[in-house]
Amino acid sequence: MGRGKFKGKPTGRRHFSTPEEMLAGTSTRPRTFRQEEESEEEVEEESEEESEEGTEKRKGAQGVIEIDNPNLVKPKSIKARDVDVEKTTELSRREREEIEKQKAHERYMRLQEQGKTEQARKDLERLNLIRQQRAEAAKKREEEKAAKESKKAEARK
């Protein structure tokens, strides 16, 4: 028969075994679940024995063929006592390029300070031109000032 408009919650239909039923073995719990638990325990025991031997179970063709995958990231954990202090680590391509870029920039700035680069030459030419213009403007101002003072002096006499 149909349940009608409102269906009961699934928790209302659950049946829990009492500890006495479990001890007596008359529990309504499915037997297959218990068998699965036991088979998992057996697998764990077997895997412990295999790990003690040192052989690893590999998937697919890995067990048959030794494959060296260059893309496989291997853990790089090294103990402190095994570290070789004198060994230099190789830099990645990006790190090398970054260092080369910094050195080139420093070299360029040194040449810039010495005035040996083309940009520095253009800047110095511009600077000299501006200095000349300012010197000429200052000379004109001085002449105009001197002319004004001479006019004032003549006007007072």
C-alpha atoms as a PDB file:
ATOM      1  CA  MET A   1       0.000   0.000   0.000  1.00  0.00           C
ATOM      2  CA  GLY A   2       1.051   3.573  -0.567  1.00  0.00           C
ATOM      3  CA  ARG A   3       2.326   5.648   2.293  1.00  0.00           C
ATOM      4  CA  GLY A   4       0.289   8.697   1.452  1.00  0.00           C
ATOM      5  CA  LYS A   5       1.448  12.273   1.140  1.00  0.00           C
ATOM      6  CA  PHE A   6       4.031  12.293   3.942  1.00  0.00           C
ATOM      7  CA  LYS A   7       6.803   9.737   3.947  1.00  0.00           C
ATOM      8  CA  GLY A   8       8.463   8.799   7.186  1.00  0.00           C
ATOM      9  CA  LYS A   9      12.093   9.526   7.836  1.00  0.00           C
ATOM     10  CA  PRO A  10      14.496   6.657   7.178  1.00  0.00           C
ATOM     11  CA  THR A  11      15.732   6.843  10.763  1.00  0.00           C
ATOM     12  CA  GLY A  12      12.365   5.690  11.958  1.00  0.00           C
ATOM     13  CA  ARG A  13      12.794   2.308  10.271  1.00  0.00           C
ATOM     14  CA  ARG A  14      16.246   1.516  11.560  1.00  0.00           C
ATOM     15  CA  HIS A  15      16.699  -1.520  13.693  1.00  0.00           C
ATOM     16  CA  PHE A  16      19.577  -1.673  16.133  1.00  0.00           C
ATOM     17  CA  SER A  17      20.782  -4.946  17.606  1.00  0.00           C
ATOM     18  CA  THR A  18      21.097  -5.208  21.336  1.00  0.00           C
ATOM     19  CA  PRO A  19      24.392  -6.378  22.839  1.00  0.00           C
ATOM     20  CA  GLU A  20      22.666  -9.638  23.928  1.00  0.00           C
ATOM     21  CA  GLU A  21      21.578 -10.373  20.342  1.00  0.00           C
ATOM     22  CA  MET A  22      25.067  -9.679  19.078  1.00  0.00           C
ATOM     23  CA  LEU A  23      26.643 -12.040  21.634  1.00  0.00           C
ATOM     24  CA  ALA A  24      24.069 -14.731  20.908  1.00  0.00           C
ATOM     25  CA  GLY A  25      24.568 -14.358  17.167  1.00  0.00           C
ATOM     26  CA  THR A  26      20.891 -13.797  16.498  1.00  0.00           C
ATOM     27  CA  SER A  27      21.452 -10.261  15.247  1.00  0.00           C
ATOM     28  CA  THR A  28      19.659  -9.252  12.057  1.00  0.00           C
ATOM     29  CA  ARG A  29      22.879  -7.672  10.819  1.00  0.00           C
ATOM     30  CA  PRO A  30      23.899  -9.109   7.425  1.00  0.00           C
ATOM     31  CA  ARG A  31      26.588 -11.768   7.568  1.00  0.00           C
ATOM     32  CA  THR A  32      28.321 -10.422   4.457  1.00  0.00           C
ATOM     33  CA  PHE A  33      29.424  -7.295   6.309  1.00  0.00           C
ATOM     34  CA  ARG A  34      31.201  -9.349   8.935  1.00  0.00           C
ATOM     35  CA  GLN A  35      32.906 -11.410   6.217  1.00  0.00           C
ATOM     36  CA  GLU A  36      34.131  -8.252   4.502  1.00  0.00           C
ATOM     37  CA  GLU A  37      35.660  -7.040   7.760  1.00  0.00           C
ATOM     38  CA  GLU A  38      37.493 -10.323   8.218  1.00  0.00           C
ATOM     39  CA  SER A  39      38.767 -10.328   4.639  1.00  0.00           C
ATOM     40  CA  GLU A  40      40.093  -6.752   5.086  1.00  0.00           C
ATOM     41  CA  GLU A  41      41.963  -7.828   8.212  1.00  0.00           C
ATOM     42  CA  GLU A  42      43.520 -10.719   6.281  1.00  0.00           C
ATOM     43  CA  VAL A  43      44.572  -8.378   3.466  1.00  0.00           C
ATOM     44  CA  GLU A  44      46.163  -6.008   5.997  1.00  0.00           C
ATOM     45  CA  GLU A  45      48.108  -8.880   7.544  1.00  0.00           C
ATOM     46  CA  GLU A  46      49.296  -9.997   4.113  1.00  0.00           C
ATOM     47  CA  SER A  47      50.314  -6.470   3.131  1.00  0.00           C
ATOM     48  CA  GLU A  48      52.302  -6.150   6.385  1.00  0.00           C
ATOM     49  CA  GLU A  49      54.161  -9.358   5.553  1.00  0.00           C
ATOM     50  CA  GLU A  50      54.907  -8.122   2.030  1.00  0.00           C
ATOM     51  CA  SER A  51      56.139  -4.758   3.259  1.00  0.00           C
ATOM     52  CA  GLU A  52      58.512  -6.555   5.609  1.00  0.00           C
ATOM     53  CA  GLU A  53      60.004  -8.410   2.658  1.00  0.00           C
ATOM     54  CA  GLY A  54      60.551  -5.123   0.807  1.00  0.00           C
ATOM     55  CA  THR A  55      58.683  -6.015  -2.367  1.00  0.00           C
ATOM     56  CA  GLU A  56      56.078  -3.507  -3.470  1.00  0.00           C
ATOM     57  CA  LYS A  57      52.987  -4.462  -5.394  1.00  0.00           C
ATOM     58  CA  ARG A  58      52.829  -2.384  -8.567  1.00  0.00           C
ATOM     59  CA  LYS A  59      49.965  -1.711 -10.915  1.00  0.00           C
ATOM     60  CA  GLY A  60      49.902  -2.805 -14.543  1.00  0.00           C
ATOM     61  CA  ALA A  61      53.208  -3.243 -16.352  1.00  0.00           C
ATOM     62  CA  GLN A  62      55.218  -1.598 -13.582  1.00  0.00           C
ATOM     63  CA  GLY A  63      55.647  -4.947 -11.860  1.00  0.00           C
ATOM     64  CA  VAL A  64      57.135  -6.490 -14.996  1.00  0.00           C
ATOM     65  CA  ILE A  65      59.050  -3.590 -16.563  1.00  0.00           C
ATOM     66  CA  GLU A  66      61.254  -1.082 -14.785  1.00  0.00           C
ATOM     67  CA  ILE A  67      59.962   2.310 -15.899  1.00  0.00           C
ATOM     68  CA  ASP A  68      61.837   5.547 -15.220  1.00  0.00           C
ATOM     69  CA  ASN A  69      59.392   8.413 -15.623  1.00  0.00           C
ATOM     70  CA  PRO A  70      61.236  11.760 -15.863  1.00  0.00           C
ATOM     71  CA  ASN A  71      58.033  13.640 -15.027  1.00  0.00           C
ATOM     72  CA  LEU A  72      57.523  11.706 -11.817  1.00  0.00           C
ATOM     73  CA  VAL A  73      58.308  13.931  -8.853  1.00  0.00           C
ATOM     74  CA  LYS A  74      60.328  11.991  -6.346  1.00  0.00           C
ATOM     75  CA  PRO A  75      60.458  13.065  -2.711  1.00  0.00           C
ATOM     76  CA  LYS A  76      63.585  15.057  -2.003  1.00  0.00           C
ATOM     77  CA  SER A  77      63.764  14.511   1.730  1.00  0.00           C
ATOM     78  CA  ILE A  78      67.356  14.058   2.845  1.00  0.00           C
ATOM     79  CA  LYS A  79      68.566  13.538   6.365  1.00  0.00           C
ATOM     80  CA  ALA A  80      70.731  16.252   7.857  1.00  0.00           C
ATOM     81  CA  ARG A  81      73.723  13.960   8.286  1.00  0.00           C
ATOM     82  CA  ASP A  82      73.600  12.937   4.589  1.00  0.00           C
ATOM     83  CA  VAL A  83      73.630  16.502   3.249  1.00  0.00           C
ATOM     84  CA  ASP A  84      76.753  17.420   1.312  1.00  0.00           C
ATOM     85  CA  VAL A  85      77.520  21.044   2.196  1.00  0.00           C
ATOM     86  CA  GLU A  86      80.166  21.491  -0.502  1.00  0.00           C
ATOM     87  CA  LYS A  87      77.867  20.343  -3.288  1.00  0.00           C
ATOM     88  CA  THR A  88      76.375  23.264  -5.214  1.00  0.00           C
ATOM     89  CA  THR A  89      72.771  23.001  -6.263  1.00  0.00           C
ATOM     90  CA  GLU A  90      71.961  23.665  -9.886  1.00  0.00           C
ATOM     91  CA  LEU A  91      69.649  26.582 -10.508  1.00  0.00           C
ATOM     92  CA  SER A  92      66.526  26.265 -12.576  1.00  0.00           C
ATOM     93  CA  ARG A  93      66.302  27.957 -15.956  1.00  0.00           C
ATOM     94  CA  ARG A  94      64.090  30.741 -14.584  1.00  0.00           C
ATOM     95  CA  GLU A  95      66.452  31.423 -11.687  1.00  0.00           C
ATOM     96  CA  ARG A  96      69.465  31.534 -14.039  1.00  0.00           C
ATOM     97  CA  GLU A  97      67.659  33.914 -16.392  1.00  0.00           C
ATOM     98  CA  GLU A  98      66.657  36.150 -13.487  1.00  0.00           C
ATOM     99  CA  ILE A  99      70.259  36.352 -12.229  1.00  0.00           C
ATOM    100  CA  GLU A 100      71.557  37.078 -15.751  1.00  0.00           C
ATOM    101  CA  LYS A 101      68.938  39.790 -16.149  1.00  0.00           C
ATOM    102  CA  GLN A 102      69.990  41.437 -12.865  1.00  0.00           C
ATOM    103  CA  LYS A 103      73.679  41.319 -13.817  1.00  0.00           C
ATOM    104  CA  ALA A 104      72.962  42.808 -17.250  1.00  0.00           C
ATOM    105  CA  HIS A 105      70.954  45.615 -15.652  1.00  0.00           C
ATOM    106  CA  GLU A 106      73.790  46.365 -13.183  1.00  0.00           C
ATOM    107  CA  ARG A 107      76.322  46.389 -16.043  1.00  0.00           C
ATOM    108  CA  TYR A 108      74.123  48.760 -18.056  1.00  0.00           C
ATOM    109  CA  MET A 109      73.683  51.104 -15.095  1.00  0.00           C
ATOM    110  CA  ARG A 110      77.471  51.215 -14.537  1.00  0.00           C
ATOM    111  CA  LEU A 111      78.023  52.123 -18.199  1.00  0.00           C
ATOM    112  CA  GLN A 112      75.199  54.661 -17.915  1.00  0.00           C
ATOM    113  CA  GLU A 113      76.953  56.353 -14.969  1.00  0.00           C
ATOM    114  CA  GLN A 114      80.210  56.472 -16.913  1.00  0.00           C
ATOM    115  CA  GLY A 115      78.397  57.964 -19.920  1.00  0.00           C
ATOM    116  CA  LYS A 116      79.367  55.217 -22.332  1.00  0.00           C
ATOM    117  CA  THR A 117      75.893  54.185 -23.486  1.00  0.00           C
ATOM    118  CA  GLU A 118      74.041  55.925 -26.292  1.00  0.00           C
ATOM    119  CA  GLN A 119      71.214  56.959 -24.011  1.00  0.00           C
ATOM    120  CA  ALA A 120      73.709  58.471 -21.577  1.00  0.00           C
ATOM    121  CA  ARG A 121      75.372  60.421 -24.405  1.00  0.00           C
ATOM    122  CA  LYS A 122      72.021  61.814 -25.519  1.00  0.00           C
ATOM    123  CA  ASP A 123      71.180  62.745 -21.915  1.00  0.00           C
ATOM    124  CA  LEU A 124      74.520  64.508 -21.480  1.00  0.00           C
ATOM    125  CA  GLU A 125      74.060  66.443 -24.751  1.00  0.00           C
ATOM    126  CA  ARG A 126      70.586  67.519 -23.633  1.00  0.00           C
ATOM    127  CA  LEU A 127      71.971  68.502 -20.226  1.00  0.00           C
ATOM    128  CA  ASN A 128      74.756  70.593 -21.800  1.00  0.00           C
ATOM    129  CA  LEU A 129      72.224  72.322 -24.067  1.00  0.00           C
ATOM    130  CA  ILE A 130      69.999  73.154 -21.084  1.00  0.00           C
ATOM    131  CA  ARG A 131      72.990  74.461 -19.111  1.00  0.00           C
ATOM    132  CA  GLN A 132      73.968  76.731 -22.018  1.00  0.00           C
ATOM    133  CA  GLN A 133      70.413  78.059 -22.325  1.00  0.00           C
ATOM    134  CA  ARG A 134      70.248  78.749 -18.588  1.00  0.00           C
ATOM    135  CA  ALA A 135      73.639  80.463 -18.644  1.00  0.00           C
ATOM    136  CA  GLU A 136      72.515  82.675 -21.551  1.00  0.00           C
ATOM    137  CA  ALA A 137      69.251  83.495 -19.759  1.00  0.00           C
ATOM    138  CA  ALA A 138      71.164  84.390 -16.567  1.00  0.00           C
ATOM    139  CA  LYS A 139      73.552  86.613 -18.588  1.00  0.00           C
ATOM    140  CA  LYS A 140      70.561  88.402 -20.174  1.00  0.00           C
ATOM    141  CA  ARG A 141      68.966  88.982 -16.771  1.00  0.00           C
ATOM    142  CA  GLU A 142      72.208  90.405 -15.439  1.00  0.00           C
ATOM    143  CA  GLU A 143      72.491  92.768 -18.444  1.00  0.00           C
ATOM    144  CA  GLU A 144      68.863  93.876 -18.046  1.00  0.00           C
ATOM    145  CA  LYS A 145      69.394  94.446 -14.324  1.00  0.00           C
ATOM    146  CA  ALA A 146      72.536  96.448 -15.019  1.00  0.00           C
ATOM    147  CA  ALA A 147      70.666  98.484 -17.665  1.00  0.00           C
ATOM    148  CA  LYS A 148      67.807  99.235 -15.237  1.00  0.00           C
ATOM    149  CA  GLU A 149      70.232 100.301 -12.522  1.00  0.00           C
ATOM    150  CA  SER A 150      72.108 102.563 -14.945  1.00  0.00           C
ATOM    151  CA  LYS A 151      68.776 104.155 -16.022  1.00  0.00           C
ATOM    152  CA  LYS A 152      67.815 104.729 -12.390  1.00  0.00           C
ATOM    153  CA  ALA A 153      71.191 106.222 -11.655  1.00  0.00           C
ATOM    154  CA  GLU A 154      70.868 108.593 -14.646  1.00  0.00           C
ATOM    155  CA  ALA A 155      67.344 109.533 -13.620  1.00  0.00           C
ATOM    156  CA  ARG A 156      68.510 110.510 -10.128  1.00  0.00           C
ATOM    157  CA  LYS A 157      71.239 112.775 -11.405  1.00  0.00           C
END
